[in-house]
Amino acid sequence: MNINAKYFGLISYEEKELIHIINGLIGFESYNKYLPIPFQEEDDSLISLQCLEDEDLSFILMNPFSICQDYSPKLSDQELKELGAESADDISYYVISVIRESVAQSTVNLKAPLAVNAINRQAKQVILEQAEYTFRHALGDMIHKEG
């Protein structure tokens, strides 16, 4: 199958590559099928999450552990069950990023990560109860802090 991806042009993909987001993303609840496309092969630190139901809709995701090494999201037992995960080890996390012209103005949402069951490709955007995470962390501050 093919899709005209927002940042990559025409891309071929197979059904097994898709992820299904339970209840969609916040603000985009009616869209559930997405194709994750890494900006660099074999590297999940920066991904375009391309919507299959609207080719103009794509989100930039980051692997939060590459920018915040002490990030430790915790899912409830109910969330793990919804994702069909036998254990928290089955879950990968990605955070939605807003990329601006300057890194200092770019932000990441650590409060509401996308939790993906790496085994069955089911995903859900969750809102963490952990107070240390907010919806807009300045990316520039995080890079300087980690570096």
N, C-alpha and C. Protein backbone atom coordinates (compact mmCIF):
# COMPACT_ATOMS: atom_id res chain seq x y z
N MET A 1 0.84 -1.18 0.00
CA MET A 1 0.00 0.00 0.00
C MET A 1 0.89 1.25 0.00
N ASN A 2 0.32 2.35 -0.43
CA ASN A 2 1.07 3.60 -0.52
C ASN A 2 0.31 4.74 0.15
N ILE A 3 1.07 5.72 0.62
CA ILE A 3 0.48 6.95 1.14
C ILE A 3 1.40 8.10 0.76
N ASN A 4 0.79 9.25 0.51
CA ASN A 4 1.57 10.45 0.25
C ASN A 4 1.83 11.11 1.60
N ALA A 5 2.95 10.76 2.23
CA ALA A 5 3.27 11.22 3.58
C ALA A 5 3.67 12.69 3.57
N LYS A 6 3.22 13.42 4.58
CA LYS A 6 3.42 14.86 4.66
C LYS A 6 4.88 15.27 4.52
N TYR A 7 5.79 14.60 5.21
CA TYR A 7 7.20 15.00 5.21
C TYR A 7 8.08 14.17 4.28
N PHE A 8 7.52 13.10 3.67
CA PHE A 8 8.36 12.17 2.92
C PHE A 8 7.90 11.92 1.49
N GLY A 9 6.72 12.42 1.12
CA GLY A 9 6.20 12.12 -0.21
C GLY A 9 5.63 10.71 -0.24
N LEU A 10 5.66 10.09 -1.40
CA LEU A 10 5.06 8.77 -1.58
C LEU A 10 5.86 7.71 -0.83
N ILE A 11 5.17 6.99 0.07
CA ILE A 11 5.78 5.95 0.90
C ILE A 11 4.99 4.66 0.72
N SER A 12 5.71 3.55 0.56
CA SER A 12 5.07 2.24 0.55
C SER A 12 5.13 1.66 1.94
N TYR A 13 4.07 0.97 2.34
CA TYR A 13 4.05 0.37 3.68
C TYR A 13 3.21 -0.89 3.65
N GLU A 14 3.37 -1.69 4.69
CA GLU A 14 2.58 -2.90 4.85
C GLU A 14 1.68 -2.73 6.06
N GLU A 15 0.56 -3.41 6.07
CA GLU A 15 -0.42 -3.32 7.15
C GLU A 15 0.22 -3.57 8.52
N LYS A 16 1.18 -4.48 8.59
CA LYS A 16 1.81 -4.84 9.87
C LYS A 16 2.64 -3.69 10.47
N GLU A 17 2.95 -2.67 9.68
CA GLU A 17 3.72 -1.52 10.17
C GLU A 17 2.85 -0.50 10.90
N LEU A 18 1.54 -0.56 10.69
CA LEU A 18 0.63 0.44 11.25
C LEU A 18 0.48 0.29 12.75
N ILE A 19 0.14 1.41 13.39
CA ILE A 19 -0.29 1.34 14.78
C ILE A 19 -1.72 1.85 14.84
N HIS A 20 -2.48 1.27 15.75
CA HIS A 20 -3.87 1.67 15.95
C HIS A 20 -3.94 2.39 17.28
N ILE A 21 -4.35 3.66 17.26
CA ILE A 21 -4.42 4.45 18.49
C ILE A 21 -5.84 4.39 19.02
N ILE A 22 -6.00 3.73 20.16
CA ILE A 22 -7.30 3.58 20.81
C ILE A 22 -7.81 4.97 21.18
N ASN A 23 -9.00 5.31 20.72
CA ASN A 23 -9.64 6.62 20.96
C ASN A 23 -8.89 7.79 20.33
N GLY A 24 -7.94 7.55 19.44
CA GLY A 24 -7.20 8.61 18.77
C GLY A 24 -6.35 9.45 19.70
N LEU A 25 -5.75 10.48 19.16
CA LEU A 25 -4.96 11.43 19.95
C LEU A 25 -5.88 12.54 20.46
N ILE A 26 -5.50 13.18 21.53
CA ILE A 26 -6.30 14.26 22.10
C ILE A 26 -6.49 15.35 21.04
N GLY A 27 -7.74 15.67 20.77
CA GLY A 27 -8.07 16.66 19.74
C GLY A 27 -8.25 16.05 18.36
N PHE A 28 -7.86 14.79 18.19
CA PHE A 28 -7.95 14.09 16.90
C PHE A 28 -8.54 12.69 17.13
N GLU A 29 -9.58 12.62 17.94
CA GLU A 29 -10.13 11.35 18.39
C GLU A 29 -10.68 10.47 17.28
N SER A 30 -11.08 11.06 16.16
CA SER A 30 -11.69 10.26 15.09
C SER A 30 -10.65 9.59 14.18
N TYR A 31 -9.38 9.87 14.38
CA TYR A 31 -8.32 9.26 13.56
C TYR A 31 -7.60 8.20 14.40
N ASN A 32 -7.57 6.96 13.89
CA ASN A 32 -6.99 5.86 14.66
C ASN A 32 -5.84 5.13 13.99
N LYS A 33 -5.71 5.22 12.67
CA LYS A 33 -4.67 4.46 11.97
C LYS A 33 -3.52 5.38 11.58
N TYR A 34 -2.32 4.98 12.02
CA TYR A 34 -1.13 5.79 11.77
C TYR A 34 0.04 4.92 11.33
N LEU A 35 0.90 5.52 10.54
CA LEU A 35 2.14 4.88 10.12
C LEU A 35 3.29 5.66 10.74
N PRO A 36 4.06 5.01 11.63
CA PRO A 36 5.25 5.69 12.17
C PRO A 36 6.40 5.61 11.16
N ILE A 37 6.97 6.76 10.83
CA ILE A 37 8.06 6.82 9.85
C ILE A 37 9.26 7.49 10.52
N PRO A 38 10.33 6.75 10.78
CA PRO A 38 11.50 7.37 11.40
C PRO A 38 12.18 8.33 10.41
N PHE A 39 12.69 9.43 10.93
CA PHE A 39 13.42 10.37 10.08
C PHE A 39 14.77 9.80 9.67
N GLN A 40 15.32 8.89 10.50
CA GLN A 40 16.55 8.18 10.17
C GLN A 40 16.28 6.69 10.35
N GLU A 41 16.67 5.90 9.36
CA GLU A 41 16.42 4.45 9.44
C GLU A 41 16.98 3.87 10.73
N GLU A 42 16.25 2.91 11.29
CA GLU A 42 16.67 2.18 12.49
C GLU A 42 16.91 3.08 13.70
N ASP A 43 16.30 4.27 13.73
CA ASP A 43 16.47 5.19 14.85
C ASP A 43 15.11 5.77 15.21
N ASP A 44 14.63 5.47 16.42
CA ASP A 44 13.30 5.94 16.80
C ASP A 44 13.33 7.22 17.62
N SER A 45 14.44 7.95 17.61
CA SER A 45 14.51 9.17 18.41
C SER A 45 13.64 10.28 17.85
N LEU A 46 13.37 10.29 16.55
CA LEU A 46 12.53 11.29 15.91
C LEU A 46 11.69 10.60 14.83
N ILE A 47 10.37 10.67 14.99
CA ILE A 47 9.46 9.94 14.11
C ILE A 47 8.35 10.86 13.62
N SER A 48 7.96 10.65 12.38
CA SER A 48 6.75 11.28 11.85
C SER A 48 5.63 10.26 12.02
N LEU A 49 4.59 10.64 12.73
CA LEU A 49 3.43 9.76 12.91
C LEU A 49 2.40 10.20 11.88
N GLN A 50 2.38 9.50 10.76
CA GLN A 50 1.55 9.87 9.62
C GLN A 50 0.17 9.25 9.73
N CYS A 51 -0.85 10.07 9.70
CA CYS A 51 -2.23 9.60 9.74
C CYS A 51 -2.60 9.01 8.38
N LEU A 52 -3.23 7.85 8.39
CA LEU A 52 -3.65 7.24 7.13
C LEU A 52 -5.01 7.76 6.66
N GLU A 53 -5.81 8.28 7.58
CA GLU A 53 -7.14 8.76 7.23
C GLU A 53 -7.14 10.20 6.73
N ASP A 54 -6.02 10.91 6.91
CA ASP A 54 -5.87 12.29 6.43
C ASP A 54 -4.38 12.52 6.16
N GLU A 55 -4.01 12.52 4.88
CA GLU A 55 -2.58 12.62 4.52
C GLU A 55 -1.94 13.93 4.97
N ASP A 56 -2.74 14.95 5.24
CA ASP A 56 -2.19 16.23 5.69
C ASP A 56 -1.90 16.23 7.19
N LEU A 57 -2.29 15.18 7.89
CA LEU A 57 -2.14 15.12 9.33
C LEU A 57 -0.96 14.24 9.71
N SER A 58 0.04 14.85 10.33
CA SER A 58 1.22 14.12 10.77
C SER A 58 1.75 14.81 12.02
N PHE A 59 2.21 14.02 12.95
CA PHE A 59 2.75 14.54 14.20
C PHE A 59 4.22 14.16 14.31
N ILE A 60 5.00 15.04 14.91
CA ILE A 60 6.41 14.75 15.15
C ILE A 60 6.52 14.18 16.56
N LEU A 61 7.01 12.95 16.64
CA LEU A 61 7.19 12.29 17.92
C LEU A 61 8.67 12.14 18.23
N MET A 62 8.97 12.18 19.51
CA MET A 62 10.35 11.95 19.96
C MET A 62 10.34 10.82 20.97
N ASN A 63 11.41 10.08 21.00
CA ASN A 63 11.61 9.10 22.05
C ASN A 63 12.01 9.91 23.28
N PRO A 64 11.18 9.92 24.33
CA PRO A 64 11.47 10.79 25.48
C PRO A 64 12.75 10.44 26.21
N PHE A 65 13.17 9.19 26.13
CA PHE A 65 14.36 8.76 26.85
C PHE A 65 15.64 9.30 26.21
N SER A 66 15.55 9.74 24.95
CA SER A 66 16.73 10.32 24.29
C SER A 66 16.95 11.77 24.72
N ILE A 67 15.92 12.40 25.30
CA ILE A 67 16.06 13.80 25.74
C ILE A 67 15.89 13.97 27.25
N CYS A 68 15.34 12.96 27.92
CA CYS A 68 15.09 13.03 29.35
C CYS A 68 15.36 11.64 29.93
N GLN A 69 16.60 11.38 30.27
CA GLN A 69 17.00 10.03 30.66
C GLN A 69 16.31 9.52 31.92
N ASP A 70 15.82 10.43 32.77
CA ASP A 70 15.14 9.98 33.99
C ASP A 70 13.62 9.94 33.83
N TYR A 71 13.13 10.03 32.59
CA TYR A 71 11.69 9.95 32.32
C TYR A 71 11.20 8.56 32.74
N SER A 72 10.15 8.54 33.55
CA SER A 72 9.66 7.24 34.03
C SER A 72 8.13 7.23 34.10
N PRO A 73 7.47 7.16 32.94
CA PRO A 73 6.02 7.14 32.92
C PRO A 73 5.49 5.86 33.56
N LYS A 74 4.36 5.99 34.24
CA LYS A 74 3.74 4.84 34.89
C LYS A 74 2.30 4.72 34.40
N LEU A 75 1.97 3.55 33.86
CA LEU A 75 0.62 3.28 33.39
C LEU A 75 -0.15 2.53 34.47
N SER A 76 -1.46 2.74 34.49
CA SER A 76 -2.31 1.98 35.41
C SER A 76 -2.49 0.57 34.87
N ASP A 77 -2.94 -0.33 35.72
CA ASP A 77 -3.23 -1.70 35.28
C ASP A 77 -4.31 -1.68 34.20
N GLN A 78 -5.28 -0.78 34.32
CA GLN A 78 -6.34 -0.67 33.33
C GLN A 78 -5.77 -0.25 31.96
N GLU A 79 -4.85 0.71 31.95
CA GLU A 79 -4.24 1.15 30.69
C GLU A 79 -3.44 0.01 30.05
N LEU A 80 -2.69 -0.73 30.86
CA LEU A 80 -1.94 -1.87 30.33
C LEU A 80 -2.90 -2.89 29.72
N LYS A 81 -4.02 -3.11 30.39
CA LYS A 81 -5.02 -4.06 29.90
C LYS A 81 -5.61 -3.59 28.57
N GLU A 82 -5.94 -2.29 28.49
CA GLU A 82 -6.49 -1.73 27.24
C GLU A 82 -5.54 -1.93 26.08
N LEU A 83 -4.25 -1.82 26.36
CA LEU A 83 -3.23 -1.98 25.32
C LEU A 83 -2.92 -3.44 25.03
N GLY A 84 -3.50 -4.35 25.81
CA GLY A 84 -3.25 -5.77 25.61
C GLY A 84 -1.85 -6.17 26.02
N ALA A 85 -1.26 -5.43 26.95
CA ALA A 85 0.13 -5.70 27.37
C ALA A 85 0.15 -6.63 28.58
N GLU A 86 1.00 -7.62 28.51
CA GLU A 86 1.17 -8.52 29.64
C GLU A 86 2.03 -7.89 30.72
N SER A 87 2.90 -6.97 30.32
CA SER A 87 3.77 -6.30 31.28
C SER A 87 4.13 -4.92 30.76
N ALA A 88 4.57 -4.05 31.67
CA ALA A 88 4.99 -2.70 31.29
C ALA A 88 6.19 -2.74 30.34
N ASP A 89 6.93 -3.85 30.34
CA ASP A 89 8.09 -4.00 29.45
C ASP A 89 7.70 -4.06 27.98
N ASP A 90 6.43 -4.36 27.70
CA ASP A 90 5.95 -4.44 26.31
C ASP A 90 5.68 -3.05 25.71
N ILE A 91 5.73 -2.02 26.54
CA ILE A 91 5.31 -0.68 26.13
C ILE A 91 6.51 0.20 25.76
N SER A 92 6.37 0.87 24.61
CA SER A 92 7.32 1.91 24.19
C SER A 92 6.59 3.24 24.31
N TYR A 93 7.34 4.29 24.59
CA TYR A 93 6.73 5.61 24.77
C TYR A 93 7.29 6.60 23.78
N TYR A 94 6.41 7.50 23.32
CA TYR A 94 6.79 8.59 22.43
C TYR A 94 6.04 9.83 22.88
N VAL A 95 6.67 10.98 22.73
CA VAL A 95 6.03 12.23 23.13
C VAL A 95 5.84 13.11 21.91
N ILE A 96 4.71 13.80 21.89
CA ILE A 96 4.40 14.70 20.78
C ILE A 96 5.21 15.97 20.94
N SER A 97 5.80 16.41 19.86
CA SER A 97 6.67 17.58 19.86
C SER A 97 6.07 18.67 18.99
N VAL A 98 6.30 19.90 19.40
CA VAL A 98 5.97 21.05 18.56
C VAL A 98 7.32 21.67 18.20
N ILE A 99 7.69 21.50 16.94
CA ILE A 99 9.01 21.96 16.48
C ILE A 99 8.86 23.34 15.85
N ARG A 100 9.59 24.28 16.39
CA ARG A 100 9.60 25.66 15.88
C ARG A 100 10.94 25.90 15.17
N GLU A 101 11.10 27.10 14.61
CA GLU A 101 12.34 27.40 13.92
C GLU A 101 13.54 27.31 14.84
N SER A 102 13.36 27.70 16.09
CA SER A 102 14.46 27.61 17.04
C SER A 102 14.18 26.50 18.05
N VAL A 103 15.21 25.75 18.41
CA VAL A 103 15.07 24.67 19.38
C VAL A 103 14.55 25.23 20.70
N ALA A 104 14.98 26.43 21.07
CA ALA A 104 14.56 27.03 22.33
C ALA A 104 13.04 27.21 22.41
N GLN A 105 12.39 27.43 21.28
CA GLN A 105 10.94 27.63 21.25
C GLN A 105 10.17 26.32 21.05
N SER A 106 10.86 25.24 20.75
CA SER A 106 10.22 23.95 20.53
C SER A 106 9.87 23.32 21.87
N THR A 107 8.79 22.54 21.89
CA THR A 107 8.34 21.92 23.14
C THR A 107 8.03 20.44 22.93
N VAL A 108 8.01 19.71 24.04
CA VAL A 108 7.58 18.31 24.04
C VAL A 108 6.56 18.14 25.16
N ASN A 109 5.63 17.23 24.93
CA ASN A 109 4.56 16.97 25.88
C ASN A 109 4.90 15.69 26.65
N LEU A 110 5.50 15.83 27.83
CA LEU A 110 5.84 14.67 28.65
C LEU A 110 4.66 14.20 29.49
N LYS A 111 3.63 15.03 29.62
CA LYS A 111 2.47 14.71 30.45
C LYS A 111 1.54 13.69 29.77
N ALA A 112 1.46 13.74 28.45
CA ALA A 112 0.52 12.88 27.72
C ALA A 112 1.24 12.11 26.61
N PRO A 113 2.08 11.14 27.00
CA PRO A 113 2.82 10.38 25.98
C PRO A 113 1.91 9.41 25.22
N LEU A 114 2.40 8.98 24.09
CA LEU A 114 1.76 7.92 23.34
C LEU A 114 2.42 6.62 23.81
N ALA A 115 1.63 5.75 24.41
CA ALA A 115 2.12 4.45 24.88
C ALA A 115 1.78 3.43 23.80
N VAL A 116 2.79 2.70 23.31
CA VAL A 116 2.61 1.77 22.21
C VAL A 116 2.99 0.37 22.66
N ASN A 117 2.07 -0.57 22.50
CA ASN A 117 2.39 -1.97 22.76
C ASN A 117 3.19 -2.45 21.55
N ALA A 118 4.47 -2.71 21.76
CA ALA A 118 5.36 -3.07 20.66
C ALA A 118 5.01 -4.43 20.05
N ILE A 119 4.24 -5.24 20.77
CA ILE A 119 3.91 -6.58 20.29
C ILE A 119 2.69 -6.56 19.38
N ASN A 120 1.59 -5.92 19.81
CA ASN A 120 0.36 -5.96 19.00
C ASN A 120 0.07 -4.65 18.25
N ARG A 121 0.94 -3.65 18.41
CA ARG A 121 0.82 -2.36 17.70
C ARG A 121 -0.40 -1.56 18.11
N GLN A 122 -0.96 -1.84 19.29
CA GLN A 122 -2.03 -1.02 19.85
C GLN A 122 -1.39 0.12 20.62
N ALA A 123 -1.97 1.31 20.53
CA ALA A 123 -1.39 2.48 21.20
C ALA A 123 -2.50 3.29 21.84
N LYS A 124 -2.10 4.11 22.80
CA LYS A 124 -3.06 4.98 23.47
C LYS A 124 -2.30 6.18 24.00
N GLN A 125 -2.88 7.36 23.80
CA GLN A 125 -2.30 8.54 24.43
C GLN A 125 -2.84 8.58 25.85
N VAL A 126 -1.94 8.60 26.81
CA VAL A 126 -2.32 8.57 28.22
C VAL A 126 -1.93 9.89 28.88
N ILE A 127 -2.66 10.25 29.92
CA ILE A 127 -2.30 11.43 30.71
C ILE A 127 -1.75 10.92 32.03
N LEU A 128 -0.48 11.19 32.24
CA LEU A 128 0.19 10.71 33.44
C LEU A 128 -0.22 11.53 34.66
N GLU A 129 -0.36 10.86 35.77
CA GLU A 129 -0.71 11.54 37.02
C GLU A 129 0.52 12.15 37.69
N GLN A 130 1.69 11.82 37.20
CA GLN A 130 2.93 12.30 37.80
C GLN A 130 3.07 13.82 37.62
N ALA A 131 3.15 14.54 38.74
CA ALA A 131 3.13 16.00 38.74
C ALA A 131 4.36 16.64 38.09
N GLU A 132 5.47 15.91 38.01
CA GLU A 132 6.69 16.50 37.46
C GLU A 132 6.64 16.68 35.94
N TYR A 133 5.64 16.10 35.28
CA TYR A 133 5.53 16.22 33.84
C TYR A 133 4.42 17.19 33.46
N THR A 134 4.71 18.03 32.44
CA THR A 134 3.73 19.00 31.97
C THR A 134 3.48 18.78 30.47
N PHE A 135 2.51 19.53 29.96
CA PHE A 135 2.16 19.42 28.55
C PHE A 135 3.15 20.15 27.64
N ARG A 136 3.94 21.07 28.20
CA ARG A 136 4.89 21.83 27.38
C ARG A 136 6.23 22.01 28.10
N HIS A 137 7.14 21.09 27.84
CA HIS A 137 8.50 21.23 28.34
C HIS A 137 9.33 21.84 27.21
N ALA A 138 10.11 22.86 27.53
CA ALA A 138 10.95 23.50 26.52
C ALA A 138 12.07 22.54 26.11
N LEU A 139 12.11 22.22 24.84
CA LEU A 139 13.10 21.28 24.33
C LEU A 139 14.53 21.81 24.51
N GLY A 140 14.71 23.09 24.31
CA GLY A 140 16.04 23.69 24.47
C GLY A 140 16.59 23.50 25.88
N ASP A 141 15.74 23.66 26.89
CA ASP A 141 16.17 23.47 28.27
C ASP A 141 16.56 22.01 28.52
N MET A 142 15.82 21.09 27.94
CA MET A 142 16.08 19.67 28.16
C MET A 142 17.38 19.23 27.52
N ILE A 143 17.65 19.72 26.31
CA ILE A 143 18.87 19.36 25.61
C ILE A 143 20.08 19.88 26.37
N HIS A 144 20.01 21.13 26.86
CA HIS A 144 21.14 21.71 27.59
C HIS A 144 21.34 21.01 28.92
N LYS A 145 20.25 20.61 29.57
CA LYS A 145 20.32 19.94 30.86
C LYS A 145 20.95 18.55 30.72
N GLU A 146 20.56 17.81 29.67
CA GLU A 146 21.06 16.47 29.46
C GLU A 146 22.49 16.47 28.91
N GLY A 147 22.81 17.50 28.10
CA GLY A 147 24.10 17.53 27.43
C GLY A 147 25.18 17.87 28.37
